[in-house]
PDB file of N, CA and C in Angstrom:
ATOM      1  N   MET A   1      -1.878  -7.559  11.112  1.00  0.00           N
ATOM      2  CA  MET A   1      -1.116  -7.080  10.138  1.00  0.00           C
ATOM      3  C   MET A   1      -0.374  -7.102   9.188  1.00  0.00           C
ATOM      4  N   TRP A   2       0.165  -7.294   8.683  1.00  0.00           N
ATOM      5  CA  TRP A   2       0.639  -7.442   6.396  1.00  0.00           C
ATOM      6  C   TRP A   2       1.681  -7.336   6.001  1.00  0.00           C
ATOM      7  N   SER A   3       2.016  -7.656   5.264  1.00  0.00           N
ATOM      8  CA  SER A   3       3.877  -7.957   4.816  1.00  0.00           C
ATOM      9  C   SER A   3       3.938  -6.622   3.874  1.00  0.00           C
ATOM     10  N   PRO A   4       4.826  -5.484   3.727  1.00  0.00           N
ATOM     11  CA  PRO A   4       4.343  -4.429   2.432  1.00  0.00           C
ATOM     12  C   PRO A   4       4.535  -5.461   1.180  1.00  0.00           C
ATOM     13  N   ALA A   5       4.702  -6.567   1.470  1.00  0.00           N
ATOM     14  CA  ALA A   5       5.251  -7.768   0.146  1.00  0.00           C
ATOM     15  C   ALA A   5       3.009  -8.024  -0.069  1.00  0.00           C
ATOM     16  N   ALA A   6       2.962  -8.075   0.779  1.00  0.00           N
ATOM     17  CA  ALA A   6       1.123  -8.340   0.149  1.00  0.00           C
ATOM     18  C   ALA A   6       0.318  -7.280  -0.036  1.00  0.00           C
ATOM     19  N   VAL A   7       1.038  -5.960   0.161  1.00  0.00           N
ATOM     20  CA  VAL A   7       0.187  -4.477  -0.833  1.00  0.00           C
ATOM     21  C   VAL A   7       0.566  -4.556  -1.670  1.00  0.00           C
ATOM     22  N   ALA A   8      -1.105  -4.832  -3.062  1.00  0.00           N
ATOM     23  CA  ALA A   8      -0.921  -3.617  -4.155  1.00  0.00           C
ATOM     24  C   ALA A   8      -1.421  -2.702  -4.221  1.00  0.00           C
ATOM     25  N   LEU A   9      -1.086  -1.387  -5.053  1.00  0.00           N
ATOM     26  CA  LEU A   9      -1.320   0.017  -4.584  1.00  0.00           C
ATOM     27  C   LEU A   9      -1.797   0.647  -6.005  1.00  0.00           C
ATOM     28  N   TYR A  10      -3.284   1.041  -6.566  1.00  0.00           N
ATOM     29  CA  TYR A  10      -3.287   1.176  -7.653  1.00  0.00           C
ATOM     30  C   TYR A  10      -3.888   2.589  -7.849  1.00  0.00           C
ATOM     31  N   ALA A  11      -3.445   3.736  -9.047  1.00  0.00           N
ATOM     32  CA  ALA A  11      -4.173   4.580  -8.785  1.00  0.00           C
ATOM     33  C   ALA A  11      -5.691   5.364  -9.102  1.00  0.00           C
ATOM     34  N   GLU A  12      -6.052   3.715  -9.606  1.00  0.00           N
ATOM     35  CA  GLU A  12      -7.693   3.940  -9.470  1.00  0.00           C
ATOM     36  C   GLU A  12      -8.302   2.764  -8.580  1.00  0.00           C
ATOM     37  N   PRO A  13      -9.497   2.675  -8.260  1.00  0.00           N
ATOM     38  CA  PRO A  13     -10.329   1.594  -7.591  1.00  0.00           C
ATOM     39  C   PRO A  13      -9.641   0.961  -8.317  1.00  0.00           C
ATOM     40  N   PRO A  14      -9.576  -0.640  -7.223  1.00  0.00           N
ATOM     41  CA  PRO A  14      -9.068  -1.661  -8.808  1.00  0.00           C
ATOM     42  C   PRO A  14     -10.621  -2.579  -8.844  1.00  0.00           C
ATOM     43  N   ALA A  15     -10.955  -2.348  -9.883  1.00  0.00           N
ATOM     44  CA  ALA A  15     -12.122  -2.777 -11.038  1.00  0.00           C
ATOM     45  C   ALA A  15     -12.163  -4.804  -9.973  1.00  0.00           C
ATOM     46  N   GLY A  16     -13.620  -5.816 -10.516  1.00  0.00           N
ATOM     47  CA  GLY A  16     -13.138  -7.127  -9.159  1.00  0.00           C
ATOM     48  C   GLY A  16     -13.677  -7.091  -8.459  1.00  0.00           C
ATOM     49  N   SER A  17     -13.204  -7.481  -8.078  1.00  0.00           N
ATOM     50  CA  SER A  17     -13.649  -8.263  -6.500  1.00  0.00           C
ATOM     51  C   SER A  17     -12.849  -8.165  -5.224  1.00  0.00           C
ATOM     52  N   PRO A  18     -11.190  -7.342  -5.242  1.00  0.00           N
ATOM     53  CA  PRO A  18     -10.669  -7.334  -4.415  1.00  0.00           C
ATOM     54  C   PRO A  18     -12.238  -6.559  -2.238  1.00  0.00           C
ATOM     55  N   ARG A  19     -11.774  -6.559  -2.012  1.00  0.00           N
ATOM     56  CA  ARG A  19     -12.180  -6.666  -0.840  1.00  0.00           C
ATOM     57  C   ARG A  19     -11.565  -5.725   0.238  1.00  0.00           C
ATOM     58  N   ASN A  20     -10.690  -5.874   0.113  1.00  0.00           N
ATOM     59  CA  ASN A  20      -9.650  -4.899   1.212  1.00  0.00           C
ATOM     60  C   ASN A  20      -9.048  -3.663   0.818  1.00  0.00           C
ATOM     61  N   VAL A  21      -9.929  -2.588  -0.087  1.00  0.00           N
ATOM     62  CA  VAL A  21      -9.162  -1.514  -0.657  1.00  0.00           C
ATOM     63  C   VAL A  21      -9.673  -0.591   0.505  1.00  0.00           C
ATOM     64  N   TRP A  22      -8.760   0.473   0.291  1.00  0.00           N
ATOM     65  CA  TRP A  22      -8.197   1.435   1.399  1.00  0.00           C
ATOM     66  C   TRP A  22      -7.554   3.279   0.658  1.00  0.00           C
ATOM     67  N   PRO A  23      -8.395   3.673   0.306  1.00  0.00           N
ATOM     68  CA  PRO A  23      -8.223   5.631  -0.141  1.00  0.00           C
ATOM     69  C   PRO A  23      -6.725   5.678   0.134  1.00  0.00           C
ATOM     70  N   GLY A  24      -6.031   6.452   0.094  1.00  0.00           N
ATOM     71  CA  GLY A  24      -4.565   7.069   0.881  1.00  0.00           C
ATOM     72  C   GLY A  24      -3.791   7.734   0.746  1.00  0.00           C
ATOM     73  N   VAL A  25      -2.612   8.543   0.837  1.00  0.00           N
ATOM     74  CA  VAL A  25      -1.956   9.435   0.120  1.00  0.00           C
ATOM     75  C   VAL A  25      -0.419   9.082  -0.290  1.00  0.00           C
ATOM     76  N   VAL A  26       0.084   8.778  -0.817  1.00  0.00           N
ATOM     77  CA  VAL A  26       1.850   8.724  -0.488  1.00  0.00           C
ATOM     78  C   VAL A  26       2.856   9.282   0.223  1.00  0.00           C
ATOM     79  N   THR A  27       2.656   9.449   0.957  1.00  0.00           N
ATOM     80  CA  THR A  27       4.128   9.703   2.540  1.00  0.00           C
ATOM     81  C   THR A  27       5.525   9.972   1.802  1.00  0.00           C
ATOM     82  N   ASP A  28       6.359   8.637   1.450  1.00  0.00           N
ATOM     83  CA  ASP A  28       6.773   8.558   0.805  1.00  0.00           C
ATOM     84  C   ASP A  28       8.264   7.139   0.270  1.00  0.00           C
ATOM     85  N   LEU A  29       9.254   7.755  -0.040  1.00  0.00           N
ATOM     86  CA  LEU A  29       9.653   6.375  -1.566  1.00  0.00           C
ATOM     87  C   LEU A  29      10.792   6.019  -1.290  1.00  0.00           C
ATOM     88  N   ALA A  30      11.485   4.994  -0.276  1.00  0.00           N
ATOM     89  CA  ALA A  30      13.065   4.520   0.236  1.00  0.00           C
ATOM     90  C   ALA A  30      13.013   2.981  -0.783  1.00  0.00           C
ATOM     91  N   ASP A  31      14.844   3.617  -1.481  1.00  0.00           N
ATOM     92  CA  ASP A  31      15.366   2.759  -2.347  1.00  0.00           C
ATOM     93  C   ASP A  31      15.377   1.571  -1.085  1.00  0.00           C
ATOM     94  N   ARG A  32      14.395  -0.213  -1.501  1.00  0.00           N
ATOM     95  CA  ARG A  32      15.591  -1.146  -0.125  1.00  0.00           C
ATOM     96  C   ARG A  32      15.714  -1.496  -1.026  1.00  0.00           C
ATOM     97  N   GLY A  33      17.018  -1.261  -1.937  1.00  0.00           N
ATOM     98  CA  GLY A  33      18.095  -2.311  -2.911  1.00  0.00           C
ATOM     99  C   GLY A  33      17.066  -2.944  -3.913  1.00  0.00           C
ATOM    100  N   GLY A  34      16.440  -2.743  -4.614  1.00  0.00           N
ATOM    101  CA  GLY A  34      15.483  -3.370  -6.097  1.00  0.00           C
ATOM    102  C   GLY A  34      14.008  -3.030  -5.298  1.00  0.00           C
ATOM    103  N   VAL A  35      14.339  -2.802  -4.305  1.00  0.00           N
ATOM    104  CA  VAL A  35      12.947  -2.601  -3.519  1.00  0.00           C
ATOM    105  C   VAL A  35      12.141  -1.324  -3.483  1.00  0.00           C
ATOM    106  N   ILE A  36      10.926  -0.743  -4.117  1.00  0.00           N
ATOM    107  CA  ILE A  36      10.028   0.800  -3.475  1.00  0.00           C
ATOM    108  C   ILE A  36       9.679   0.879  -2.517  1.00  0.00           C
ATOM    109  N   ARG A  37      10.004   0.983  -1.364  1.00  0.00           N
ATOM    110  CA  ARG A  37       9.762   0.581   0.125  1.00  0.00           C
ATOM    111  C   ARG A  37       8.257   1.967  -0.368  1.00  0.00           C
ATOM    112  N   VAL A  38       6.933   2.407  -0.094  1.00  0.00           N
ATOM    113  CA  VAL A  38       6.272   3.058   0.039  1.00  0.00           C
ATOM    114  C   VAL A  38       5.184   3.178   1.122  1.00  0.00           C
ATOM    115  N   GLY A  39       5.154   4.093   1.846  1.00  0.00           N
ATOM    116  CA  GLY A  39       4.471   4.529   2.277  1.00  0.00           C
ATOM    117  C   GLY A  39       3.374   5.341   2.280  1.00  0.00           C
ATOM    118  N   VAL A  40       2.185   4.492   2.654  1.00  0.00           N
ATOM    119  CA  VAL A  40       1.003   5.897   2.781  1.00  0.00           C
ATOM    120  C   VAL A  40       0.195   5.883   3.671  1.00  0.00           C
ATOM    121  N   GLU A  41      -0.232   6.806   3.746  1.00  0.00           N
ATOM    122  CA  GLU A  41      -1.130   7.999   5.317  1.00  0.00           C
ATOM    123  C   GLU A  41      -2.896   6.994   4.132  1.00  0.00           C
ATOM    124  N   LEU A  42      -3.048   6.151   5.109  1.00  0.00           N
ATOM    125  CA  LEU A  42      -5.055   5.680   4.240  1.00  0.00           C
ATOM    126  C   LEU A  42      -5.652   6.918   5.104  1.00  0.00           C
ATOM    127  N   ALA A  43      -6.490   7.237   3.903  1.00  0.00           N
ATOM    128  CA  ALA A  43      -8.156   7.797   4.859  1.00  0.00           C
ATOM    129  C   ALA A  43      -8.207   7.757   6.373  1.00  0.00           C
ATOM    130  N   ALA A  44      -8.907   6.197   6.658  1.00  0.00           N
ATOM    131  CA  ALA A  44      -8.863   5.618   7.574  1.00  0.00           C
ATOM    132  C   ALA A  44      -7.723   6.148   8.766  1.00  0.00           C
ATOM    133  N   GLY A  45      -7.221   6.557   8.269  1.00  0.00           N
ATOM    134  CA  GLY A  45      -6.460   7.245   9.637  1.00  0.00           C
ATOM    135  C   GLY A  45      -4.698   6.133   9.904  1.00  0.00           C
ATOM    136  N   PRO A  46      -4.105   5.184   9.693  1.00  0.00           N
ATOM    137  CA  PRO A  46      -3.392   4.107   9.366  1.00  0.00           C
ATOM    138  C   PRO A  46      -2.372   4.328   8.320  1.00  0.00           C
ATOM    139  N   ARG A  47      -0.806   4.381   9.043  1.00  0.00           N
ATOM    140  CA  ARG A  47       0.343   4.600   7.976  1.00  0.00           C
ATOM    141  C   ARG A  47       0.645   2.917   8.017  1.00  0.00           C
ATOM    142  N   ILE A  48       0.292   2.361   6.263  1.00  0.00           N
ATOM    143  CA  ILE A  48       1.185   0.925   6.444  1.00  0.00           C
ATOM    144  C   ILE A  48       2.343   1.653   4.732  1.00  0.00           C
ATOM    145  N   ALA A  49       2.699  -0.160   4.736  1.00  0.00           N
ATOM    146  CA  ALA A  49       3.868   0.813   3.919  1.00  0.00           C
ATOM    147  C   ALA A  49       3.747  -0.314   3.333  1.00  0.00           C
ATOM    148  N   ALA A  50       3.750  -0.147   1.855  1.00  0.00           N
ATOM    149  CA  ALA A  50       4.249  -0.935   0.834  1.00  0.00           C
ATOM    150  C   ALA A  50       5.498  -1.034  -0.549  1.00  0.00           C
ATOM    151  N   ASP A  51       5.447  -2.776  -0.688  1.00  0.00           N
ATOM    152  CA  ASP A  51       7.064  -2.865  -1.442  1.00  0.00           C
ATOM    153  C   ASP A  51       6.657  -3.022  -2.765  1.00  0.00           C
ATOM    154  N   LEU A  52       6.661  -2.829  -3.829  1.00  0.00           N
ATOM    155  CA  LEU A  52       6.650  -2.339  -5.905  1.00  0.00           C
ATOM    156  C   LEU A  52       8.151  -2.229  -5.989  1.00  0.00           C
ATOM    157  N   SER A  53       8.143  -2.781  -6.772  1.00  0.00           N
ATOM    158  CA  SER A  53       9.307  -3.141  -8.377  1.00  0.00           C
ATOM    159  C   SER A  53       9.290  -1.945  -8.745  1.00  0.00           C
ATOM    160  N   PRO A  54      10.463  -1.420  -9.113  1.00  0.00           N
ATOM    161  CA  PRO A  54      10.513   0.573  -8.898  1.00  0.00           C
ATOM    162  C   PRO A  54       9.797   1.068 -10.426  1.00  0.00           C
ATOM    163  N   GLY A  55       9.526  -0.521 -11.590  1.00  0.00           N
ATOM    164  CA  GLY A  55       9.490  -0.814 -12.202  1.00  0.00           C
ATOM    165  C   GLY A  55       7.177  -0.405 -12.081  1.00  0.00           C
ATOM    166  N   ALA A  56       6.741  -0.205 -11.057  1.00  0.00           N
ATOM    167  CA  ALA A  56       5.245   0.108 -11.235  1.00  0.00           C
ATOM    168  C   ALA A  56       5.208   1.301 -10.184  1.00  0.00           C
ATOM    169  N   VAL A  57       5.889   2.011 -10.053  1.00  0.00           N
ATOM    170  CA  VAL A  57       6.465   2.542  -9.138  1.00  0.00           C
ATOM    171  C   VAL A  57       6.290   4.213 -10.209  1.00  0.00           C
ATOM    172  N   ALA A  58       7.137   3.454 -11.012  1.00  0.00           N
ATOM    173  CA  ALA A  58       7.443   4.416 -12.249  1.00  0.00           C
ATOM    174  C   ALA A  58       5.900   4.509 -13.374  1.00  0.00           C
ATOM    175  N   ASP A  59       6.142   2.826 -13.248  1.00  0.00           N
ATOM    176  CA  ASP A  59       4.327   2.970 -14.680  1.00  0.00           C
ATOM    177  C   ASP A  59       3.343   3.936 -13.105  1.00  0.00           C
ATOM    178  N   LEU A  60       3.318   3.932 -12.159  1.00  0.00           N
ATOM    179  CA  LEU A  60       1.907   4.610 -11.263  1.00  0.00           C
ATOM    180  C   LEU A  60       2.356   5.971 -11.195  1.00  0.00           C
ATOM    181  N   ARG A  61       3.773   5.859 -10.810  1.00  0.00           N
ATOM    182  CA  ARG A  61       4.007   7.437 -11.370  1.00  0.00           C
ATOM    183  C   ARG A  61       3.870   7.913 -10.036  1.00  0.00           C
ATOM    184  N   LEU A  62       3.758   7.480  -8.948  1.00  0.00           N
ATOM    185  CA  LEU A  62       3.911   7.744  -7.635  1.00  0.00           C
ATOM    186  C   LEU A  62       5.174   8.743  -7.255  1.00  0.00           C
ATOM    187  N   ALA A  63       4.733   9.632  -6.188  1.00  0.00           N
ATOM    188  CA  ALA A  63       5.394  11.055  -5.223  1.00  0.00           C
ATOM    189  C   ALA A  63       4.922  11.290  -4.477  1.00  0.00           C
ATOM    190  N   PRO A  64       5.585  11.283  -3.655  1.00  0.00           N
ATOM    191  CA  PRO A  64       4.985  11.527  -1.730  1.00  0.00           C
ATOM    192  C   PRO A  64       4.190  12.645  -2.603  1.00  0.00           C
ATOM    193  N   GLY A  65       2.395  11.920  -2.211  1.00  0.00           N
ATOM    194  CA  GLY A  65       1.248  13.506  -1.654  1.00  0.00           C
ATOM    195  C   GLY A  65       0.265  12.614  -3.326  1.00  0.00           C
ATOM    196  N   SER A  66       1.149  11.409  -4.090  1.00  0.00           N
ATOM    197  CA  SER A  66       0.254  11.114  -4.782  1.00  0.00           C
ATOM    198  C   SER A  66      -1.121   9.791  -4.331  1.00  0.00           C
ATOM    199  N   ALA A  67      -2.279  10.815  -5.179  1.00  0.00           N
ATOM    200  CA  ALA A  67      -3.501   9.425  -4.353  1.00  0.00           C
ATOM    201  C   ALA A  67      -3.545   7.734  -4.169  1.00  0.00           C
ATOM    202  N   VAL A  68      -3.826   7.001  -3.715  1.00  0.00           N
ATOM    203  CA  VAL A  68      -3.529   5.753  -4.500  1.00  0.00           C
ATOM    204  C   VAL A  68      -4.371   4.570  -3.967  1.00  0.00           C
ATOM    205  N   HIS A  69      -5.151   3.558  -3.772  1.00  0.00           N
ATOM    206  CA  HIS A  69      -6.388   2.753  -3.430  1.00  0.00           C
ATOM    207  C   HIS A  69      -5.334   1.625  -3.399  1.00  0.00           C
ATOM    208  N   ALA A  70      -4.655   1.533  -2.255  1.00  0.00           N
ATOM    209  CA  ALA A  70      -4.220   0.399  -1.150  1.00  0.00           C
ATOM    210  C   ALA A  70      -4.924  -0.546  -1.404  1.00  0.00           C
ATOM    211  N   VAL A  71      -3.998  -2.237  -1.225  1.00  0.00           N
ATOM    212  CA  VAL A  71      -5.157  -3.772  -1.873  1.00  0.00           C
ATOM    213  C   VAL A  71      -4.435  -4.323  -1.074  1.00  0.00           C
ATOM    214  N   VAL A  72      -5.476  -5.406  -0.373  1.00  0.00           N
ATOM    215  CA  VAL A  72      -4.285  -6.531   0.569  1.00  0.00           C
ATOM    216  C   VAL A  72      -5.648  -7.609   0.704  1.00  0.00           C
ATOM    217  N   LYS A  73      -4.414  -8.498   0.320  1.00  0.00           N
ATOM    218  CA  LYS A  73      -5.292 -10.068  -0.217  1.00  0.00           C
ATOM    219  C   LYS A  73      -6.002 -10.791   1.256  1.00  0.00           C
ATOM    220  N   ALA A  74      -7.439 -11.165   1.201  1.00  0.00           N
ATOM    221  CA  ALA A  74      -7.786 -11.344   2.194  1.00  0.00           C
ATOM    222  C   ALA A  74      -7.035 -12.161   3.174  1.00  0.00           C
ATOM    223  N   GLN A  75      -6.594 -13.551   2.935  1.00  0.00           N
ATOM    224  CA  GLN A  75      -5.936 -14.312   3.102  1.00  0.00           C
ATOM    225  C   GLN A  75      -4.391 -13.749   3.182  1.00  0.00           C
ATOM    226  N   GLU A  76      -4.248 -12.327   3.528  1.00  0.00           N
ATOM    227  CA  GLU A  76      -2.483 -12.437   3.994  1.00  0.00           C
ATOM    228  C   GLU A  76      -3.020 -11.253   5.068  1.00  0.00           C
ATOM    229  N   ILE A  77      -4.081 -11.059   5.506  1.00  0.00           N
ATOM    230  CA  ILE A  77      -4.383 -10.666   6.464  1.00  0.00           C
ATOM    231  C   ILE A  77      -4.852 -11.261   7.734  1.00  0.00           C
ATOM    232  N   ARG A  78      -4.225 -10.826   9.087  1.00  0.00           N
ATOM    233  CA  ARG A  78      -4.016 -10.515  10.566  1.00  0.00           C
ATOM    234  C   ARG A  78      -3.961 -10.313  11.741  1.00  0.00           C
ATOM    235  N   LEU A  79      -4.630 -10.156  12.448  1.00  0.00           N
ATOM    236  CA  LEU A  79      -5.585  -9.839  14.088  1.00  0.00           C
ATOM    237  C   LEU A  79      -4.581  -9.808  14.872  1.00  0.00           C
ATOM    238  N   HIS A  80      -4.504  -8.912  15.311  1.00  0.00           N
ATOM    239  CA  HIS A  80      -3.259  -9.914  16.774  1.00  0.00           C
ATOM    240  C   HIS A  80      -4.262  -8.348  17.793  1.00  0.00           C
ATOM    241  N   PRO A  81      -4.409  -9.437  18.838  1.00  0.00           N
ATOM    242  CA  PRO A  81      -5.309  -8.077  19.558  1.00  0.00           C
ATOM    243  C   PRO A  81      -4.203  -7.411  20.451  1.00  0.00           C
ATOM    244  N   THR A  82      -5.090  -6.414  20.711  1.00  0.00           N
ATOM    245  CA  THR A  82      -4.398  -5.092  21.851  1.00  0.00           C
ATOM    246  C   THR A  82      -3.891  -4.801  22.191  1.00  0.00           C
ATOM    247  N   ARG A  83      -2.870  -3.655  23.026  1.00  0.00           N
ATOM    248  CA  ARG A  83      -2.829  -4.654  24.880  1.00  0.00           C
ATOM    249  C   ARG A  83      -3.243  -3.400  25.553  1.00  0.00           C
ATOM    250  N   GLY A  84      -3.727  -3.480  27.017  1.00  0.00           N
ATOM    251  CA  GLY A  84      -4.930  -3.009  27.765  1.00  0.00           C
ATOM    252  C   GLY A  84      -5.686  -1.809  27.895  1.00  0.00           C
TER     253      GLY A  84
END
């Protein structure tokens, strides 16, 4: 997994070289004292969180139901084995 601070959100698919891009929908926003934690349900199924500045949330006009593209840098991804 990765830290919510490692997740960037975009209104449109980002240009350039990001390889870890997933479409999703904003489910909720929570003020965490200067950082807004944005819940995102990915189209692939899992739910993730992104920590954004209030300015970024305003610029992207994020609200529950907003379509977004989540990006995580490759060096931030960690795989963990499942149990079972």
